[in-house]
Structure formats: C-alpha cells, structure tokens
Amino acid sequence: MYALANMLLFLLLINYIATLISIQLLRGDIAASTSPNFNNLWNAFLAIYQVFSSENWTTVLYTAAGAELSLGQTPVVA
C-alpha cells in the first residue's frame, strides 16, 4: 500500500510540474472558449492529465498547435 501511495504522489507531482510549464508556455494564446485551455491551473491540470492518460490527447495537441500557428511558432504541414 505504501508503494502505491508513493507512485500516486509521484505521478501527481510530475503532472503538476508539467502543468506549470504548460501554463507558462500557452497562457493567453488559446481562447477561453475552447475546451482544453491553459488559462488557469485547474484547466491546465486536466489538459495535461488528458495527455498523460492518452485519452483523446490529440484534441489538446491540435488546439495548442492551432493557437501557436497564428503567432508563427508552429510549422505549417500540408
């Protein structure tokens, strides 16, 4: 039971660190009306959890890439 608690805390810590990094990189670039946005900690935490769990992670990918496309930070792939 102790090992399971350690693993859970480690995964939450990694998720939290990735959330803080993603907030710094993507805050304000994605519109607040879209579903996986990074405007606050809770929404970013859920988006990063969605990526880590591999459940419909491409939604987060395409939303972030589409927001950065207008800023010229994403290469256009035909």
C-alpha atoms as a PDB file:
ATOM      1  CA  MET A   1       0.000   0.000   0.000  1.00  0.00           C
ATOM      2  CA  TYR A   2       2.897   2.336   0.780  1.00  0.00           C
ATOM      3  CA  ALA A   3       4.398   1.858  -2.687  1.00  0.00           C
ATOM      4  CA  LEU A   4       1.085   2.663  -4.340  1.00  0.00           C
ATOM      5  CA  ALA A   5       0.821   5.915  -2.402  1.00  0.00           C
ATOM      6  CA  ASN A   6       4.374   6.832  -3.412  1.00  0.00           C
ATOM      7  CA  MET A   7       3.592   6.143  -7.063  1.00  0.00           C
ATOM      8  CA  LEU A   8       0.403   8.209  -6.900  1.00  0.00           C
ATOM      9  CA  LEU A   9       2.186  11.168  -5.311  1.00  0.00           C
ATOM     10  CA  PHE A  10       4.994  10.932  -7.874  1.00  0.00           C
ATOM     11  CA  LEU A  11       2.542  10.947 -10.794  1.00  0.00           C
ATOM     12  CA  LEU A  12       0.651  13.905  -9.340  1.00  0.00           C
ATOM     13  CA  LEU A  13       3.927  15.779  -8.853  1.00  0.00           C
ATOM     14  CA  ILE A  14       5.044  15.134 -12.436  1.00  0.00           C
ATOM     15  CA  ASN A  15       1.606  16.175 -13.699  1.00  0.00           C
ATOM     16  CA  TYR A  16       1.733  19.355 -11.608  1.00  0.00           C
ATOM     17  CA  ILE A  17       5.212  20.303 -12.864  1.00  0.00           C
ATOM     18  CA  ALA A  18       4.156  19.722 -16.478  1.00  0.00           C
ATOM     19  CA  THR A  19       1.056  21.831 -15.794  1.00  0.00           C
ATOM     20  CA  LEU A  20       3.123  24.751 -14.537  1.00  0.00           C
ATOM     21  CA  ILE A  21       5.393  24.569 -17.585  1.00  0.00           C
ATOM     22  CA  SER A  22       2.451  24.393 -19.979  1.00  0.00           C
ATOM     23  CA  ILE A  23       0.773  27.370 -18.316  1.00  0.00           C
ATOM     24  CA  GLN A  24       3.922  29.427 -18.808  1.00  0.00           C
ATOM     25  CA  LEU A  25       4.156  28.438 -22.466  1.00  0.00           C
ATOM     26  CA  LEU A  26       0.495  28.602 -23.524  1.00  0.00           C
ATOM     27  CA  ARG A  27      -1.351  31.034 -21.232  1.00  0.00           C
ATOM     28  CA  GLY A  28      -3.267  33.612 -23.227  1.00  0.00           C
ATOM     29  CA  ASP A  29      -2.597  32.001 -26.602  1.00  0.00           C
ATOM     30  CA  ILE A  30      -5.637  29.692 -26.579  1.00  0.00           C
ATOM     31  CA  ALA A  31      -9.106  31.256 -26.471  1.00  0.00           C
ATOM     32  CA  ALA A  32     -11.018  30.807 -23.222  1.00  0.00           C
ATOM     33  CA  SER A  33     -13.992  29.363 -25.098  1.00  0.00           C
ATOM     34  CA  THR A  34     -12.093  26.249 -26.215  1.00  0.00           C
ATOM     35  CA  SER A  35     -12.242  23.132 -24.112  1.00  0.00           C
ATOM     36  CA  PRO A  36      -8.595  22.350 -23.285  1.00  0.00           C
ATOM     37  CA  ASN A  37      -7.291  25.826 -22.449  1.00  0.00           C
ATOM     38  CA  PHE A  38      -4.380  26.788 -20.218  1.00  0.00           C
ATOM     39  CA  ASN A  39      -5.761  29.963 -18.653  1.00  0.00           C
ATOM     40  CA  ASN A  40      -5.868  28.662 -15.098  1.00  0.00           C
ATOM     41  CA  LEU A  41      -4.272  25.886 -13.080  1.00  0.00           C
ATOM     42  CA  TRP A  42      -7.271  23.556 -12.936  1.00  0.00           C
ATOM     43  CA  ASN A  43      -7.979  23.540 -16.686  1.00  0.00           C
ATOM     44  CA  ALA A  44      -4.300  23.098 -17.479  1.00  0.00           C
ATOM     45  CA  PHE A  45      -4.039  20.239 -14.969  1.00  0.00           C
ATOM     46  CA  LEU A  46      -6.954  18.468 -16.639  1.00  0.00           C
ATOM     47  CA  ALA A  47      -5.461  19.003 -20.103  1.00  0.00           C
ATOM     48  CA  ILE A  48      -2.085  17.622 -19.049  1.00  0.00           C
ATOM     49  CA  TYR A  49      -3.780  14.671 -17.356  1.00  0.00           C
ATOM     50  CA  GLN A  50      -5.620  14.059 -20.625  1.00  0.00           C
ATOM     51  CA  VAL A  51      -2.283  13.981 -22.467  1.00  0.00           C
ATOM     52  CA  PHE A  52      -0.629  11.694 -19.897  1.00  0.00           C
ATOM     53  CA  SER A  53      -3.563   9.274 -19.848  1.00  0.00           C
ATOM     54  CA  SER A  54      -3.538   9.061 -23.694  1.00  0.00           C
ATOM     55  CA  GLU A  55      -7.292   9.548 -23.782  1.00  0.00           C
ATOM     56  CA  ASN A  56      -8.139  11.818 -26.732  1.00  0.00           C
ATOM     57  CA  TRP A  57      -4.809  13.627 -26.371  1.00  0.00           C
ATOM     58  CA  THR A  58      -4.847  14.809 -29.961  1.00  0.00           C
ATOM     59  CA  THR A  59      -7.523  17.364 -29.062  1.00  0.00           C
ATOM     60  CA  VAL A  60      -5.041  19.114 -26.773  1.00  0.00           C
ATOM     61  CA  LEU A  61      -2.311  18.792 -29.409  1.00  0.00           C
ATOM     62  CA  TYR A  62      -4.338  20.319 -32.230  1.00  0.00           C
ATOM     63  CA  THR A  63      -5.722  23.091 -30.022  1.00  0.00           C
ATOM     64  CA  ALA A  64      -2.262  24.124 -28.829  1.00  0.00           C
ATOM     65  CA  ALA A  65      -0.750  23.866 -32.301  1.00  0.00           C
ATOM     66  CA  GLY A  66      -3.604  25.857 -33.836  1.00  0.00           C
ATOM     67  CA  ALA A  67      -3.178  28.638 -31.276  1.00  0.00           C
ATOM     68  CA  GLU A  68       0.546  28.879 -31.932  1.00  0.00           C
ATOM     69  CA  LEU A  69       0.079  28.819 -35.721  1.00  0.00           C
ATOM     70  CA  SER A  70      -1.162  32.409 -35.817  1.00  0.00           C
ATOM     71  CA  LEU A  71       1.938  33.506 -33.890  1.00  0.00           C
ATOM     72  CA  GLY A  72       4.263  31.828 -36.366  1.00  0.00           C
ATOM     73  CA  GLN A  73       5.607  29.333 -33.854  1.00  0.00           C
ATOM     74  CA  THR A  74       4.251  26.170 -35.475  1.00  0.00           C
ATOM     75  CA  PRO A  75       5.344  24.940 -38.899  1.00  0.00           C
ATOM     76  CA  VAL A  76       2.555  24.580 -41.431  1.00  0.00           C
ATOM     77  CA  VAL A  77       2.208  20.947 -42.528  1.00  0.00           C
ATOM     78  CA  ALA A  78       0.187  20.318 -45.651  1.00  0.00           C
END
